[in-house]
Amino acid sequence: MGDILSFYHGAFYRSDGYRKWSDRQKKSRRKNIYGWKIFTGWRQQELLSRLLAHVPDELQNNLLEVSKSFLEGKTSLKIYVYHLKTSVGLSALVEAVGIGKGKADLTGLAMEPPRLTQVSPEIPSGKASSSLTSSDIIRLLTGGFRLSKARCNNIFWEAVWPRLLARGWHSEQPKNRCSVSSKHYLLFLMPGVKKFLRRKLVKGNRYFDSVSDVLSKVASEPTLIELDSEGNFTRSCNEGNGCILGESSDQR
């Protein structure tokens, strides 16, 4: 180590060889990023949105779960990349990374995430949102779309909440409603919680007090809105067999 330091700060530093080496390093840093950064932050969200188009609906949740496991440090980068390759194929993975494709290249050192468009016109609105499948919902919540608060509420009440009701969730109004802000007028309780008791329940674990918190929970755990059959779910809702909210539309 001493010999290396002596060479670097002595004969090598400021020499022609040093300048050439330094220039190459700077050029490399300007054009490339470390590999793991492709699979984190906004780059991972963009990559997943590109890959989901190549994955069958029944495998999309698995892909999202593995991605979550990698972000939590439970899965190594090597295993994560191998899983992506086997799920979509090497060609589709390389195409999604977009090497050499200008602004679409996820290996480039962009100063900020690319500007995303507003809600896609293909996303249904109003009661038509009830036609969204579970995979459609997860794609909207994790695909990097800029969803307005109104659109998030629409997706929640028309598509997400009926599924959660079918899985045993329910809502309550706090007894001391006058002491809480208007946006917390409903509490969303997970299966197994019969009655809200603030002292015994942990927010974010057994209950939630906002639509956005429930949507975040669903995005991180897609299995929460999985049902045995999408077709049976849609039919039962249309016939009014238990998928209608207990609250009136005015309360929403």
C-alpha atoms as a PDB file:
ATOM      1  CA  MET A   1       0.000   0.000   0.000  1.00  0.00           C
ATOM      2  CA  GLY A   2       2.845   2.375   0.811  1.00  0.00           C
ATOM      3  CA  ASP A   3       4.462   1.762  -2.575  1.00  0.00           C
ATOM      4  CA  ILE A   4       1.155   2.426  -4.350  1.00  0.00           C
ATOM      5  CA  LEU A   5       0.594   5.691  -2.464  1.00  0.00           C
ATOM      6  CA  SER A   6       4.162   6.756  -3.142  1.00  0.00           C
ATOM      7  CA  PHE A   7       3.775   6.069  -6.866  1.00  0.00           C
ATOM      8  CA  TYR A   8       0.363   7.803  -7.102  1.00  0.00           C
ATOM      9  CA  HIS A   9       1.378  10.989  -5.299  1.00  0.00           C
ATOM     10  CA  GLY A  10       4.914  10.983  -6.718  1.00  0.00           C
ATOM     11  CA  ALA A  11       5.712   9.812 -10.229  1.00  0.00           C
ATOM     12  CA  PHE A  12       2.099   9.372 -11.405  1.00  0.00           C
ATOM     13  CA  TYR A  13       0.192  12.392 -10.043  1.00  0.00           C
ATOM     14  CA  ARG A  14      -0.033  15.304 -12.540  1.00  0.00           C
ATOM     15  CA  SER A  15       1.765  13.281 -15.231  1.00  0.00           C
ATOM     16  CA  ASP A  16       0.453  12.814 -18.776  1.00  0.00           C
ATOM     17  CA  GLY A  17      -0.640   9.310 -17.840  1.00  0.00           C
ATOM     18  CA  TYR A  18      -2.552  10.684 -14.856  1.00  0.00           C
ATOM     19  CA  ARG A  19      -4.350  13.282 -16.977  1.00  0.00           C
ATOM     20  CA  LYS A  20      -5.418  10.673 -19.530  1.00  0.00           C
ATOM     21  CA  TRP A  21      -6.617   8.342 -16.766  1.00  0.00           C
ATOM     22  CA  SER A  22      -8.445  11.178 -14.979  1.00  0.00           C
ATOM     23  CA  ASP A  23     -10.152  12.301 -18.194  1.00  0.00           C
ATOM     24  CA  ARG A  24     -11.369   8.769 -18.848  1.00  0.00           C
ATOM     25  CA  GLN A  25     -12.742   8.550 -15.304  1.00  0.00           C
ATOM     26  CA  LYS A  26     -14.612  11.837 -15.604  1.00  0.00           C
ATOM     27  CA  LYS A  27     -15.999  10.891 -19.011  1.00  0.00           C
ATOM     28  CA  SER A  28     -17.135   7.542 -17.672  1.00  0.00           C
ATOM     29  CA  ARG A  29     -18.841   9.150 -14.658  1.00  0.00           C
ATOM     30  CA  ARG A  30     -20.693  11.601 -16.894  1.00  0.00           C
ATOM     31  CA  LYS A  31     -22.174   8.896 -19.093  1.00  0.00           C
ATOM     32  CA  ASN A  32     -22.768   5.982 -16.771  1.00  0.00           C
ATOM     33  CA  ILE A  33     -24.097   5.121 -13.346  1.00  0.00           C
ATOM     34  CA  TYR A  34     -23.474   2.178 -11.075  1.00  0.00           C
ATOM     35  CA  GLY A  35     -25.577  -0.813 -12.110  1.00  0.00           C
ATOM     36  CA  TRP A  36     -27.654  -1.074  -8.955  1.00  0.00           C
ATOM     37  CA  LYS A  37     -29.003   2.468  -9.450  1.00  0.00           C
ATOM     38  CA  ILE A  38     -30.904   1.259 -12.511  1.00  0.00           C
ATOM     39  CA  PHE A  39     -32.999  -0.872 -10.171  1.00  0.00           C
ATOM     40  CA  THR A  40     -33.768   1.754  -7.489  1.00  0.00           C
ATOM     41  CA  GLY A  41     -35.780   4.963  -7.205  1.00  0.00           C
ATOM     42  CA  TRP A  42     -37.533   6.405 -10.240  1.00  0.00           C
ATOM     43  CA  ARG A  43     -35.397   4.308 -12.616  1.00  0.00           C
ATOM     44  CA  GLN A  44     -36.803   1.110 -11.125  1.00  0.00           C
ATOM     45  CA  GLN A  45     -40.358   2.436 -11.439  1.00  0.00           C
ATOM     46  CA  GLU A  46     -39.740   3.325 -15.074  1.00  0.00           C
ATOM     47  CA  LEU A  47     -38.114  -0.054 -15.741  1.00  0.00           C
ATOM     48  CA  LEU A  48     -41.023  -1.938 -14.161  1.00  0.00           C
ATOM     49  CA  SER A  49     -43.566   0.033 -16.176  1.00  0.00           C
ATOM     50  CA  ARG A  50     -41.730  -1.038 -19.337  1.00  0.00           C
ATOM     51  CA  LEU A  51     -41.386  -4.678 -18.250  1.00  0.00           C
ATOM     52  CA  LEU A  52     -44.963  -5.274 -17.102  1.00  0.00           C
ATOM     53  CA  ALA A  53     -46.130  -5.162 -20.711  1.00  0.00           C
ATOM     54  CA  HIS A  54     -44.087  -8.328 -21.335  1.00  0.00           C
ATOM     55  CA  VAL A  55     -45.370 -10.231 -18.282  1.00  0.00           C
ATOM     56  CA  PRO A  56     -48.674 -12.178 -18.113  1.00  0.00           C
ATOM     57  CA  ASP A  57     -51.193 -10.842 -15.587  1.00  0.00           C
ATOM     58  CA  GLU A  58     -50.728 -13.843 -13.306  1.00  0.00           C
ATOM     59  CA  LEU A  59     -46.973 -13.139 -12.972  1.00  0.00           C
ATOM     60  CA  GLN A  60     -47.068  -9.364 -12.539  1.00  0.00           C
ATOM     61  CA  ASN A  61     -47.646  -9.458  -8.786  1.00  0.00           C
ATOM     62  CA  ASN A  62     -44.684 -11.801  -8.397  1.00  0.00           C
ATOM     63  CA  LEU A  63     -42.479  -9.360 -10.296  1.00  0.00           C
ATOM     64  CA  LEU A  64     -43.592  -6.507  -8.028  1.00  0.00           C
ATOM     65  CA  GLU A  65     -43.020  -8.582  -4.891  1.00  0.00           C
ATOM     66  CA  VAL A  66     -39.454  -9.449  -5.944  1.00  0.00           C
ATOM     67  CA  SER A  67     -38.797  -5.773  -6.695  1.00  0.00           C
ATOM     68  CA  LYS A  68     -40.028  -4.848  -3.223  1.00  0.00           C
ATOM     69  CA  SER A  69     -37.851  -7.563  -1.680  1.00  0.00           C
ATOM     70  CA  PHE A  70     -34.781  -6.149  -3.468  1.00  0.00           C
ATOM     71  CA  LEU A  71     -35.495  -2.611  -2.237  1.00  0.00           C
ATOM     72  CA  GLU A  72     -35.840  -3.934   1.319  1.00  0.00           C
ATOM     73  CA  GLY A  73     -32.447  -5.642   1.056  1.00  0.00           C
ATOM     74  CA  LYS A  74     -33.897  -9.153   1.254  1.00  0.00           C
ATOM     75  CA  THR A  75     -32.836 -10.056  -2.304  1.00  0.00           C
ATOM     76  CA  SER A  76     -29.391  -9.475  -3.798  1.00  0.00           C
ATOM     77  CA  LEU A  77     -28.878  -7.491  -6.996  1.00  0.00           C
ATOM     78  CA  LYS A  78     -27.604 -10.600  -8.781  1.00  0.00           C
ATOM     79  CA  ILE A  79     -30.672 -12.674  -7.903  1.00  0.00           C
ATOM     80  CA  TYR A  80     -33.014  -9.762  -8.676  1.00  0.00           C
ATOM     81  CA  VAL A  81     -31.569  -9.212 -12.162  1.00  0.00           C
ATOM     82  CA  TYR A  82     -31.604 -12.961 -12.823  1.00  0.00           C
ATOM     83  CA  HIS A  83     -35.292 -13.063 -11.816  1.00  0.00           C
ATOM     84  CA  LEU A  84     -36.110 -10.179 -14.165  1.00  0.00           C
ATOM     85  CA  LYS A  85     -34.283 -11.922 -17.008  1.00  0.00           C
ATOM     86  CA  THR A  86     -36.089 -15.227 -16.501  1.00  0.00           C
ATOM     87  CA  SER A  87     -39.474 -13.497 -16.121  1.00  0.00           C
ATOM     88  CA  VAL A  88     -39.420 -11.361 -19.279  1.00  0.00           C
ATOM     89  CA  GLY A  89     -36.492 -12.723 -21.284  1.00  0.00           C
ATOM     90  CA  LEU A  90     -33.062 -11.214 -21.899  1.00  0.00           C
ATOM     91  CA  SER A  91     -34.084  -9.323 -25.035  1.00  0.00           C
ATOM     92  CA  ALA A  92     -37.049  -7.637 -23.332  1.00  0.00           C
ATOM     93  CA  LEU A  93     -34.895  -6.703 -20.327  1.00  0.00           C
ATOM     94  CA  VAL A  94     -32.188  -5.134 -22.502  1.00  0.00           C
ATOM     95  CA  GLU A  95     -34.847  -3.311 -24.516  1.00  0.00           C
ATOM     96  CA  ALA A  96     -36.423  -1.954 -21.312  1.00  0.00           C
ATOM     97  CA  VAL A  97     -33.106  -0.623 -19.981  1.00  0.00           C
ATOM     98  CA  GLY A  98     -32.764   1.257 -23.279  1.00  0.00           C
ATOM     99  CA  ILE A  99     -28.972   1.387 -23.588  1.00  0.00           C
ATOM    100  CA  GLY A 100     -27.958   3.911 -26.251  1.00  0.00           C
ATOM    101  CA  LYS A 101     -31.517   5.218 -26.747  1.00  0.00           C
ATOM    102  CA  GLY A 102     -30.983   8.807 -25.693  1.00  0.00           C
ATOM    103  CA  LYS A 103     -33.311  10.056 -22.958  1.00  0.00           C
ATOM    104  CA  ALA A 104     -34.872   6.590 -22.663  1.00  0.00           C
ATOM    105  CA  ASP A 105     -31.499   5.140 -21.571  1.00  0.00           C
ATOM    106  CA  LEU A 106     -31.782   4.247 -17.880  1.00  0.00           C
ATOM    107  CA  THR A 107     -27.985   3.966 -17.594  1.00  0.00           C
ATOM    108  CA  GLY A 108     -27.564   7.694 -18.281  1.00  0.00           C
ATOM    109  CA  LEU A 109     -26.838  10.188 -15.534  1.00  0.00           C
ATOM    110  CA  ALA A 110     -30.020  12.223 -15.746  1.00  0.00           C
ATOM    111  CA  MET A 111     -30.141  15.078 -13.249  1.00  0.00           C
ATOM    112  CA  GLU A 112     -33.812  14.440 -12.507  1.00  0.00           C
ATOM    113  CA  PRO A 113     -36.508  11.916 -13.435  1.00  0.00           C
ATOM    114  CA  PRO A 114     -38.076  12.326 -16.871  1.00  0.00           C
ATOM    115  CA  ARG A 115     -41.287  14.299 -16.951  1.00  0.00           C
ATOM    116  CA  LEU A 116     -44.216  11.946 -16.841  1.00  0.00           C
ATOM    117  CA  THR A 117     -47.449  12.671 -18.608  1.00  0.00           C
ATOM    118  CA  GLN A 118     -50.664  13.248 -16.760  1.00  0.00           C
ATOM    119  CA  VAL A 119     -53.157  10.438 -16.353  1.00  0.00           C
ATOM    120  CA  SER A 120     -53.347   8.307 -19.461  1.00  0.00           C
ATOM    121  CA  PRO A 121     -56.598   8.768 -21.415  1.00  0.00           C
ATOM    122  CA  GLU A 122     -56.968   5.001 -21.386  1.00  0.00           C
ATOM    123  CA  ILE A 123     -57.582   5.032 -17.616  1.00  0.00           C
ATOM    124  CA  PRO A 124     -61.356   4.873 -17.054  1.00  0.00           C
ATOM    125  CA  SER A 125     -63.013   7.477 -14.854  1.00  0.00           C
ATOM    126  CA  GLY A 126     -66.132   7.587 -12.713  1.00  0.00           C
ATOM    127  CA  LYS A 127     -67.972   4.325 -12.174  1.00  0.00           C
ATOM    128  CA  ALA A 128     -66.134   2.877 -15.173  1.00  0.00           C
ATOM    129  CA  SER A 129     -63.149   2.468 -12.836  1.00  0.00           C
ATOM    130  CA  SER A 130     -64.929  -0.559 -11.369  1.00  0.00           C
ATOM    131  CA  SER A 131     -63.963  -2.431 -14.547  1.00  0.00           C
ATOM    132  CA  LEU A 132     -60.256  -2.229 -13.660  1.00  0.00           C
ATOM    133  CA  THR A 133     -58.643  -5.585 -12.936  1.00  0.00           C
ATOM    134  CA  SER A 134     -56.337  -6.128  -9.967  1.00  0.00           C
ATOM    135  CA  SER A 135     -53.282  -5.972 -12.231  1.00  0.00           C
ATOM    136  CA  ASP A 136     -54.597  -2.737 -13.792  1.00  0.00           C
ATOM    137  CA  ILE A 137     -54.888  -1.165 -10.346  1.00  0.00           C
ATOM    138  CA  ILE A 138     -51.376  -2.164  -9.294  1.00  0.00           C
ATOM    139  CA  ARG A 139     -49.962  -0.890 -12.587  1.00  0.00           C
ATOM    140  CA  LEU A 140     -51.617   2.487 -12.005  1.00  0.00           C
ATOM    141  CA  LEU A 141     -50.340   2.716  -8.437  1.00  0.00           C
ATOM    142  CA  THR A 142     -46.753   1.692  -9.199  1.00  0.00           C
ATOM    143  CA  GLY A 143     -46.227   2.679 -12.831  1.00  0.00           C
ATOM    144  CA  GLY A 144     -45.191   6.277 -12.239  1.00  0.00           C
ATOM    145  CA  PHE A 145     -48.460   7.867 -13.405  1.00  0.00           C
ATOM    146  CA  ARG A 146     -49.268  11.308 -12.019  1.00  0.00           C
ATOM    147  CA  LEU A 147     -52.658  10.598 -10.529  1.00  0.00           C
ATOM    148  CA  SER A 148     -54.608  13.535  -9.145  1.00  0.00           C
ATOM    149  CA  LYS A 149     -56.201  13.301  -5.711  1.00  0.00           C
ATOM    150  CA  ALA A 150     -59.636  13.119  -7.338  1.00  0.00           C
ATOM    151  CA  ARG A 151     -58.543  10.272  -9.617  1.00  0.00           C
ATOM    152  CA  CYS A 152     -56.960   8.386  -6.696  1.00  0.00           C
ATOM    153  CA  ASN A 153     -60.208   8.713  -4.736  1.00  0.00           C
ATOM    154  CA  ASN A 154     -62.151   7.480  -7.745  1.00  0.00           C
ATOM    155  CA  ILE A 155     -59.933   4.429  -8.197  1.00  0.00           C
ATOM    156  CA  PHE A 156     -60.125   3.720  -4.476  1.00  0.00           C
ATOM    157  CA  TRP A 157     -63.908   3.869  -4.062  1.00  0.00           C
ATOM    158  CA  GLU A 158     -64.843   2.247  -7.369  1.00  0.00           C
ATOM    159  CA  ALA A 159     -62.129  -0.393  -7.755  1.00  0.00           C
ATOM    160  CA  VAL A 160     -60.008  -0.891  -4.626  1.00  0.00           C
ATOM    161  CA  TRP A 161     -62.415  -0.569  -1.722  1.00  0.00           C
ATOM    162  CA  PRO A 162     -65.017  -3.056  -3.072  1.00  0.00           C
ATOM    163  CA  ARG A 163     -62.231  -5.642  -3.338  1.00  0.00           C
ATOM    164  CA  LEU A 164     -61.062  -4.921   0.186  1.00  0.00           C
ATOM    165  CA  LEU A 165     -64.634  -5.239   1.439  1.00  0.00           C
ATOM    166  CA  ALA A 166     -64.834  -8.643  -0.217  1.00  0.00           C
ATOM    167  CA  ARG A 167     -61.614  -9.602   1.607  1.00  0.00           C
ATOM    168  CA  GLY A 168     -63.023  -8.683   5.038  1.00  0.00           C
ATOM    169  CA  TRP A 169     -62.069  -5.025   5.455  1.00  0.00           C
ATOM    170  CA  HIS A 170     -64.584  -2.526   6.849  1.00  0.00           C
ATOM    171  CA  SER A 171     -64.781   1.156   7.753  1.00  0.00           C
ATOM    172  CA  GLU A 172     -65.830   3.069  10.849  1.00  0.00           C
ATOM    173  CA  GLN A 173     -66.521   6.647  11.804  1.00  0.00           C
ATOM    174  CA  PRO A 174     -64.597   7.776  14.905  1.00  0.00           C
ATOM    175  CA  LYS A 175     -66.819   8.408  17.912  1.00  0.00           C
ATOM    176  CA  ASN A 176     -65.226  11.786  18.573  1.00  0.00           C
ATOM    177  CA  ARG A 177     -65.584  12.879  14.949  1.00  0.00           C
ATOM    178  CA  CYS A 178     -65.798  16.551  15.942  1.00  0.00           C
ATOM    179  CA  SER A 179     -62.227  16.424  17.264  1.00  0.00           C
ATOM    180  CA  VAL A 180     -60.631  15.208  14.048  1.00  0.00           C
ATOM    181  CA  SER A 181     -60.133  16.908  10.715  1.00  0.00           C
ATOM    182  CA  SER A 182     -62.643  16.285   7.923  1.00  0.00           C
ATOM    183  CA  LYS A 183     -60.257  14.113   5.907  1.00  0.00           C
ATOM    184  CA  HIS A 184     -60.088  11.617   8.780  1.00  0.00           C
ATOM    185  CA  TYR A 185     -63.824  11.086   9.107  1.00  0.00           C
ATOM    186  CA  LEU A 186     -63.448   7.425   8.138  1.00  0.00           C
ATOM    187  CA  LEU A 187     -61.164   4.740   9.512  1.00  0.00           C
ATOM    188  CA  PHE A 188     -60.350   1.701   7.359  1.00  0.00           C
ATOM    189  CA  LEU A 189     -59.931  -1.484   9.394  1.00  0.00           C
ATOM    190  CA  MET A 190     -58.209  -4.650   8.215  1.00  0.00           C
ATOM    191  CA  PRO A 191     -59.732  -8.147   8.496  1.00  0.00           C
ATOM    192  CA  GLY A 192     -59.854  -9.429  12.056  1.00  0.00           C
ATOM    193  CA  VAL A 193     -60.370  -5.987  13.614  1.00  0.00           C
ATOM    194  CA  LYS A 194     -63.968  -5.938  14.842  1.00  0.00           C
ATOM    195  CA  LYS A 195     -63.912  -2.524  16.491  1.00  0.00           C
ATOM    196  CA  PHE A 196     -61.535   0.418  16.467  1.00  0.00           C
ATOM    197  CA  LEU A 197     -59.625   0.818  19.753  1.00  0.00           C
ATOM    198  CA  ARG A 198     -56.910   3.444  19.461  1.00  0.00           C
ATOM    199  CA  ARG A 199     -54.934   2.118  22.407  1.00  0.00           C
ATOM    200  CA  LYS A 200     -54.697  -1.403  21.014  1.00  0.00           C
ATOM    201  CA  LEU A 201     -54.278  -0.826  17.284  1.00  0.00           C
ATOM    202  CA  VAL A 202     -51.265   0.443  15.360  1.00  0.00           C
ATOM    203  CA  LYS A 203     -51.880   2.859  12.500  1.00  0.00           C
ATOM    204  CA  GLY A 204     -50.499   1.485   9.238  1.00  0.00           C
ATOM    205  CA  ASN A 205     -50.637  -2.042  10.576  1.00  0.00           C
ATOM    206  CA  ARG A 206     -54.241  -2.791  11.552  1.00  0.00           C
ATOM    207  CA  TYR A 207     -56.006   0.405  10.545  1.00  0.00           C
ATOM    208  CA  PHE A 208     -55.625   3.430   8.233  1.00  0.00           C
ATOM    209  CA  ASP A 209     -57.170   6.884   8.393  1.00  0.00           C
ATOM    210  CA  SER A 210     -56.769   8.061   4.795  1.00  0.00           C
ATOM    211  CA  VAL A 211     -57.378   6.806   1.276  1.00  0.00           C
ATOM    212  CA  SER A 212     -53.779   7.518   0.262  1.00  0.00           C
ATOM    213  CA  ASP A 213     -52.429   5.343   3.086  1.00  0.00           C
ATOM    214  CA  VAL A 214     -54.639   2.425   2.025  1.00  0.00           C
ATOM    215  CA  LEU A 215     -53.538   2.804  -1.599  1.00  0.00           C
ATOM    216  CA  SER A 216     -49.885   2.790  -0.520  1.00  0.00           C
ATOM    217  CA  LYS A 217     -50.541  -0.403   1.438  1.00  0.00           C
ATOM    218  CA  VAL A 218     -52.179  -2.019  -1.593  1.00  0.00           C
ATOM    219  CA  ALA A 219     -49.312  -0.919  -3.876  1.00  0.00           C
ATOM    220  CA  SER A 220     -46.768  -2.574  -1.557  1.00  0.00           C
ATOM    221  CA  GLU A 221     -48.919  -5.703  -1.040  1.00  0.00           C
ATOM    222  CA  PRO A 222     -50.821  -6.441  -4.285  1.00  0.00           C
ATOM    223  CA  THR A 223     -52.256  -9.666  -2.868  1.00  0.00           C
ATOM    224  CA  LEU A 224     -54.615  -7.591  -0.699  1.00  0.00           C
ATOM    225  CA  ILE A 225     -56.913  -6.988  -3.682  1.00  0.00           C
ATOM    226  CA  GLU A 226     -56.567 -10.375  -5.353  1.00  0.00           C
ATOM    227  CA  LEU A 227     -59.835 -12.270  -5.630  1.00  0.00           C
ATOM    228  CA  ASP A 228     -60.577 -15.799  -6.775  1.00  0.00           C
ATOM    229  CA  SER A 229     -62.118 -14.603 -10.022  1.00  0.00           C
ATOM    230  CA  GLU A 230     -62.225 -11.123 -11.524  1.00  0.00           C
ATOM    231  CA  GLY A 231     -65.278 -12.130 -13.503  1.00  0.00           C
ATOM    232  CA  ASN A 232     -67.180 -13.301 -10.417  1.00  0.00           C
ATOM    233  CA  PHE A 233     -66.213 -10.134  -8.579  1.00  0.00           C
ATOM    234  CA  THR A 234     -67.496  -7.841 -11.320  1.00  0.00           C
ATOM    235  CA  ARG A 235     -70.719  -9.795 -11.671  1.00  0.00           C
ATOM    236  CA  SER A 236     -71.445  -9.796  -7.926  1.00  0.00           C
ATOM    237  CA  CYS A 237     -70.841  -6.036  -7.736  1.00  0.00           C
ATOM    238  CA  ASN A 238     -73.188  -5.368 -10.629  1.00  0.00           C
ATOM    239  CA  GLU A 239     -75.873  -7.476  -8.978  1.00  0.00           C
ATOM    240  CA  GLY A 240     -75.382  -5.736  -5.626  1.00  0.00           C
ATOM    241  CA  ASN A 241     -74.233  -8.843  -3.730  1.00  0.00           C
ATOM    242  CA  GLY A 242     -72.208  -7.250  -0.965  1.00  0.00           C
ATOM    243  CA  CYS A 243     -69.689  -5.127  -2.841  1.00  0.00           C
ATOM    244  CA  ILE A 244     -71.518  -1.849  -2.229  1.00  0.00           C
ATOM    245  CA  LEU A 245     -70.110   0.509   0.393  1.00  0.00           C
ATOM    246  CA  GLY A 246     -71.899   0.906   3.680  1.00  0.00           C
ATOM    247  CA  GLU A 247     -71.600   4.684   3.387  1.00  0.00           C
ATOM    248  CA  SER A 248     -73.674   6.792   1.065  1.00  0.00           C
ATOM    249  CA  SER A 249     -72.224   8.628  -1.907  1.00  0.00           C
ATOM    250  CA  ASP A 250     -72.597  11.882   0.058  1.00  0.00           C
ATOM    251  CA  GLN A 251     -70.337  10.488   2.788  1.00  0.00           C
ATOM    252  CA  ARG A 252     -67.688   9.642   0.224  1.00  0.00           C
END
